[in-house]
PDB file of N, CA and C in Angstrom:
ATOM      1  N   MET A   1      60.051  64.607  -2.416  1.00  0.00           N
ATOM      2  CA  MET A   1      59.191  63.626  -3.029  1.00  0.00           C
ATOM      3  C   MET A   1      58.291  64.271  -4.072  1.00  0.00           C
ATOM      4  N   ALA A   2      57.790  65.485  -3.802  1.00  0.00           N
ATOM      5  CA  ALA A   2      56.914  66.174  -4.753  1.00  0.00           C
ATOM      6  C   ALA A   2      57.663  66.510  -6.037  1.00  0.00           C
ATOM      7  N   SER A   3      58.936  66.855  -5.903  1.00  0.00           N
ATOM      8  CA  SER A   3      59.747  67.169  -7.079  1.00  0.00           C
ATOM      9  C   SER A   3      59.887  65.949  -7.981  1.00  0.00           C
ATOM     10  N   LYS A   4      60.071  64.782  -7.380  1.00  0.00           N
ATOM     11  CA  LYS A   4      60.195  63.560  -8.171  1.00  0.00           C
ATOM     12  C   LYS A   4      58.886  63.257  -8.892  1.00  0.00           C
ATOM     13  N   HIS A   5      57.754  63.484  -8.220  1.00  0.00           N
ATOM     14  CA  HIS A   5      56.444  63.268  -8.842  1.00  0.00           C
ATOM     15  C   HIS A   5      56.253  64.223 -10.018  1.00  0.00           C
ATOM     16  N   ASN A   6      56.650  65.490  -9.850  1.00  0.00           N
ATOM     17  CA  ASN A   6      56.520  66.470 -10.920  1.00  0.00           C
ATOM     18  C   ASN A   6      57.397  66.090 -12.112  1.00  0.00           C
ATOM     19  N   ASN A   7      58.612  65.618 -11.838  1.00  0.00           N
ATOM     20  CA  ASN A   7      59.503  65.213 -12.927  1.00  0.00           C
ATOM     21  C   ASN A   7      58.945  64.007 -13.673  1.00  0.00           C
ATOM     22  N   THR A   8      58.375  63.074 -12.931  1.00  0.00           N
ATOM     23  CA  THR A   8      57.785  61.888 -13.553  1.00  0.00           C
ATOM     24  C   THR A   8      56.599  62.279 -14.427  1.00  0.00           C
ATOM     25  N   ALA A   9      55.749  63.153 -13.918  1.00  0.00           N
ATOM     26  CA  ALA A   9      54.586  63.599 -14.684  1.00  0.00           C
ATOM     27  C   ALA A   9      55.026  64.346 -15.940  1.00  0.00           C
ATOM     28  N   LEU A  10      56.044  65.175 -15.816  1.00  0.00           N
ATOM     29  CA  LEU A  10      56.537  65.922 -16.972  1.00  0.00           C
ATOM     30  C   LEU A  10      57.151  64.990 -18.005  1.00  0.00           C
ATOM     31  N   LEU A  11      57.899  64.012 -17.555  1.00  0.00           N
ATOM     32  CA  LEU A  11      58.498  63.047 -18.472  1.00  0.00           C
ATOM     33  C   LEU A  11      57.428  62.220 -19.178  1.00  0.00           C
ATOM     34  N   LEU A  12      56.424  61.787 -18.440  1.00  0.00           N
ATOM     35  CA  LEU A  12      55.328  61.031 -19.040  1.00  0.00           C
ATOM     36  C   LEU A  12      54.569  61.883 -20.052  1.00  0.00           C
ATOM     37  N   GLY A  13      54.277  63.110 -19.691  1.00  0.00           N
ATOM     38  CA  GLY A  13      53.575  64.018 -20.604  1.00  0.00           C
ATOM     39  C   GLY A  13      54.366  64.294 -21.869  1.00  0.00           C
ATOM     40  N   ALA A  14      55.665  64.508 -21.719  1.00  0.00           N
ATOM     41  CA  ALA A  14      56.512  64.755 -22.894  1.00  0.00           C
ATOM     42  C   ALA A  14      56.588  63.516 -23.779  1.00  0.00           C
ATOM     43  N   GLY A  15      56.682  62.359 -23.152  1.00  0.00           N
ATOM     44  CA  GLY A  15      56.723  61.120 -23.929  1.00  0.00           C
ATOM     45  C   GLY A  15      55.450  60.897 -24.716  1.00  0.00           C
ATOM     46  N   LEU A  16      54.305  61.151 -24.090  1.00  0.00           N
ATOM     47  CA  LEU A  16      53.034  61.014 -24.794  1.00  0.00           C
ATOM     48  C   LEU A  16      52.897  62.038 -25.918  1.00  0.00           C
ATOM     49  N   ALA A  17      53.396  63.247 -25.695  1.00  0.00           N
ATOM     50  CA  ALA A  17      53.333  64.276 -26.738  1.00  0.00           C
ATOM     51  C   ALA A  17      54.180  63.883 -27.943  1.00  0.00           C
ATOM     52  N   VAL A  18      55.391  63.405 -27.694  1.00  0.00           N
ATOM     53  CA  VAL A  18      56.259  62.970 -28.792  1.00  0.00           C
ATOM     54  C   VAL A  18      55.622  61.802 -29.528  1.00  0.00           C
ATOM     55  N   THR A  19      55.048  60.882 -28.772  1.00  0.00           N
ATOM     56  CA  THR A  19      54.396  59.728 -29.383  1.00  0.00           C
ATOM     57  C   THR A  19      53.245  60.172 -30.278  1.00  0.00           C
ATOM     58  N   SER A  20      52.425  61.095 -29.799  1.00  0.00           N
ATOM     59  CA  SER A  20      51.257  61.499 -30.574  1.00  0.00           C
ATOM     60  C   SER A  20      51.622  62.340 -31.789  1.00  0.00           C
ATOM     61  N   MET A  21      52.715  63.076 -31.723  1.00  0.00           N
ATOM     62  CA  MET A  21      53.070  63.965 -32.835  1.00  0.00           C
ATOM     63  C   MET A  21      53.963  63.307 -33.880  1.00  0.00           C
ATOM     64  N   ILE A  22      54.802  62.371 -33.489  1.00  0.00           N
ATOM     65  CA  ILE A  22      55.791  61.829 -34.413  1.00  0.00           C
ATOM     66  C   ILE A  22      55.623  60.330 -34.627  1.00  0.00           C
ATOM     67  N   ILE A  23      55.665  59.576 -33.558  1.00  0.00           N
ATOM     68  CA  ILE A  23      55.716  58.122 -33.678  1.00  0.00           C
ATOM     69  C   ILE A  23      54.377  57.547 -34.116  1.00  0.00           C
ATOM     70  N   PHE A  24      53.296  57.968 -33.472  1.00  0.00           N
ATOM     71  CA  PHE A  24      51.996  57.372 -33.761  1.00  0.00           C
ATOM     72  C   PHE A  24      51.550  57.564 -35.206  1.00  0.00           C
ATOM     73  N   PRO A  25      51.662  58.759 -35.793  1.00  0.00           N
ATOM     74  CA  PRO A  25      51.243  58.895 -37.192  1.00  0.00           C
ATOM     75  C   PRO A  25      52.034  57.993 -38.150  1.00  0.00           C
ATOM     76  N   ALA A  26      53.312  57.823 -37.886  1.00  0.00           N
ATOM     77  CA  ALA A  26      54.114  56.952 -38.748  1.00  0.00           C
ATOM     78  C   ALA A  26      53.663  55.500 -38.635  1.00  0.00           C
ATOM     79  N   VAL A  27      53.398  55.046 -37.422  1.00  0.00           N
ATOM     80  CA  VAL A  27      52.932  53.673 -37.214  1.00  0.00           C
ATOM     81  C   VAL A  27      51.537  53.492 -37.816  1.00  0.00           C
ATOM     82  N   ALA A  28      50.667  54.474 -37.622  1.00  0.00           N
ATOM     83  CA  ALA A  28      49.307  54.386 -38.154  1.00  0.00           C
ATOM     84  C   ALA A  28      49.314  54.325 -39.679  1.00  0.00           C
ATOM     85  N   MET A  29      50.177  55.119 -40.297  1.00  0.00           N
ATOM     86  CA  MET A  29      50.270  55.097 -41.753  1.00  0.00           C
ATOM     87  C   MET A  29      50.776  53.737 -42.224  1.00  0.00           C
ATOM     88  N   ARG A  30      51.736  53.207 -41.525  1.00  0.00           N
ATOM     89  CA  ARG A  30      52.292  51.892 -41.873  1.00  0.00           C
ATOM     90  C   ARG A  30      51.246  50.787 -41.741  1.00  0.00           C
ATOM     91  N   MET A  31      50.358  50.928 -40.732  1.00  0.00           N
ATOM     92  CA  MET A  31      49.315  49.932 -40.507  1.00  0.00           C
ATOM     93  C   MET A  31      48.104  50.148 -41.413  1.00  0.00           C
ATOM     94  N   GLY A  32      48.025  51.294 -42.063  1.00  0.00           N
ATOM     95  CA  GLY A  32      46.919  51.571 -42.968  1.00  0.00           C
ATOM     96  C   GLY A  32      45.679  52.127 -42.291  1.00  0.00           C
ATOM     97  N   LEU A  33      45.835  52.738 -41.117  1.00  0.00           N
ATOM     98  CA  LEU A  33      44.679  53.339 -40.439  1.00  0.00           C
ATOM     99  C   LEU A  33      44.240  54.585 -41.197  1.00  0.00           C
ATOM    100  N   GLY A  34      42.944  54.850 -41.156  1.00  0.00           N
ATOM    101  CA  GLY A  34      42.407  56.035 -41.814  1.00  0.00           C
ATOM    102  C   GLY A  34      42.814  57.312 -41.102  1.00  0.00           C
ATOM    103  N   ALA A  35      42.737  58.413 -41.839  1.00  0.00           N
ATOM    104  CA  ALA A  35      43.150  59.705 -41.295  1.00  0.00           C
ATOM    105  C   ALA A  35      42.282  60.141 -40.116  1.00  0.00           C
ATOM    106  N   SER A  36      40.982  59.885 -40.188  1.00  0.00           N
ATOM    107  CA  SER A  36      40.107  60.313 -39.096  1.00  0.00           C
ATOM    108  C   SER A  36      40.369  59.523 -37.818  1.00  0.00           C
ATOM    109  N   LEU A  37      40.613  58.226 -37.953  1.00  0.00           N
ATOM    110  CA  LEU A  37      40.934  57.411 -36.784  1.00  0.00           C
ATOM    111  C   LEU A  37      42.287  57.814 -36.200  1.00  0.00           C
ATOM    112  N   THR A  38      43.247  58.053 -37.064  1.00  0.00           N
ATOM    113  CA  THR A  38      44.564  58.500 -36.603  1.00  0.00           C
ATOM    114  C   THR A  38      44.455  59.826 -35.860  1.00  0.00           C
ATOM    115  N   GLY A  39      43.681  60.746 -36.410  1.00  0.00           N
ATOM    116  CA  GLY A  39      43.479  62.046 -35.764  1.00  0.00           C
ATOM    117  C   GLY A  39      42.818  61.922 -34.409  1.00  0.00           C
ATOM    118  N   ALA A  40      41.802  61.073 -34.322  1.00  0.00           N
ATOM    119  CA  ALA A  40      41.105  60.879 -33.052  1.00  0.00           C
ATOM    120  C   ALA A  40      42.032  60.277 -32.002  1.00  0.00           C
ATOM    121  N   LEU A  41      42.855  59.314 -32.404  1.00  0.00           N
ATOM    122  CA  LEU A  41      43.795  58.706 -31.463  1.00  0.00           C
ATOM    123  C   LEU A  41      44.888  59.684 -31.054  1.00  0.00           C
ATOM    124  N   ARG A  42      45.319  60.535 -31.972  1.00  0.00           N
ATOM    125  CA  ARG A  42      46.310  61.565 -31.614  1.00  0.00           C
ATOM    126  C   ARG A  42      45.734  62.540 -30.600  1.00  0.00           C
ATOM    127  N   ILE A  43      44.474  62.918 -30.775  1.00  0.00           N
ATOM    128  CA  ILE A  43      43.825  63.824 -29.821  1.00  0.00           C
ATOM    129  C   ILE A  43      43.742  63.164 -28.448  1.00  0.00           C
ATOM    130  N   ALA A  44      43.394  61.883 -28.423  1.00  0.00           N
ATOM    131  CA  ALA A  44      43.317  61.164 -27.145  1.00  0.00           C
ATOM    132  C   ALA A  44      44.686  61.124 -26.462  1.00  0.00           C
ATOM    133  N   LEU A  45      45.743  60.893 -27.230  1.00  0.00           N
ATOM    134  CA  LEU A  45      47.090  60.882 -26.649  1.00  0.00           C
ATOM    135  C   LEU A  45      47.489  62.267 -26.131  1.00  0.00           C
ATOM    136  N   MET A  46      47.124  63.318 -26.852  1.00  0.00           N
ATOM    137  CA  MET A  46      47.456  64.667 -26.388  1.00  0.00           C
ATOM    138  C   MET A  46      46.684  65.009 -25.109  1.00  0.00           C
ATOM    139  N   LYS A  47      45.429  64.582 -25.016  1.00  0.00           N
ATOM    140  CA  LYS A  47      44.660  64.806 -23.787  1.00  0.00           C
ATOM    141  C   LYS A  47      45.281  64.049 -22.618  1.00  0.00           C
ATOM    142  N   ALA A  48      45.729  62.821 -22.863  1.00  0.00           N
ATOM    143  CA  ALA A  48      46.394  62.051 -21.813  1.00  0.00           C
ATOM    144  C   ALA A  48      47.690  62.729 -21.392  1.00  0.00           C
ATOM    145  N   SER A  49      48.406  63.274 -22.352  1.00  0.00           N
ATOM    146  CA  SER A  49      49.637  63.990 -22.049  1.00  0.00           C
ATOM    147  C   SER A  49      49.355  65.203 -21.165  1.00  0.00           C
ATOM    148  N   ASN A  50      48.341  65.959 -21.530  1.00  0.00           N
ATOM    149  CA  ASN A  50      47.969  67.150 -20.755  1.00  0.00           C
ATOM    150  C   ASN A  50      47.536  66.769 -19.344  1.00  0.00           C
ATOM    151  N   LYS A  51      46.767  65.696 -19.234  1.00  0.00           N
ATOM    152  CA  LYS A  51      46.304  65.247 -17.927  1.00  0.00           C
ATOM    153  C   LYS A  51      47.476  64.768 -17.060  1.00  0.00           C
ATOM    154  N   ALA A  52      48.451  64.105 -17.675  1.00  0.00           N
ATOM    155  CA  ALA A  52      49.607  63.609 -16.929  1.00  0.00           C
ATOM    156  C   ALA A  52      50.430  64.774 -16.376  1.00  0.00           C
ATOM    157  N   VAL A  53      50.602  65.805 -17.166  1.00  0.00           N
ATOM    158  CA  VAL A  53      51.414  66.950 -16.737  1.00  0.00           C
ATOM    159  C   VAL A  53      50.691  67.765 -15.661  1.00  0.00           C
ATOM    160  N   HIS A  54      49.389  67.914 -15.792  1.00  0.00           N
ATOM    161  CA  HIS A  54      48.642  68.769 -14.870  1.00  0.00           C
ATOM    162  C   HIS A  54      48.015  67.996 -13.713  1.00  0.00           C
ATOM    163  N   SER A  55      48.377  66.737 -13.523  1.00  0.00           N
ATOM    164  CA  SER A  55      47.768  65.949 -12.463  1.00  0.00           C
ATOM    165  C   SER A  55      48.328  66.270 -11.088  1.00  0.00           C
ATOM    166  N   SER A  56      49.458  66.929 -11.024  1.00  0.00           N
ATOM    167  CA  SER A  56      50.084  67.194  -9.717  1.00  0.00           C
ATOM    168  C   SER A  56      49.488  68.374  -9.007  1.00  0.00           C
TER     169      SER A  56
END
């Protein structure tokens, strides 16, 4: 059961990392968000990713 939890946390963390590095900036640019807001949201996503991976 612990292995499944670790895999889930790793998958969630990787998904959030990919989202913050690739997908989110493209969507933010398309929506016209400012660079500072985009940067702040990317940092929040990376922190969530780190927390998801290290929560176990």
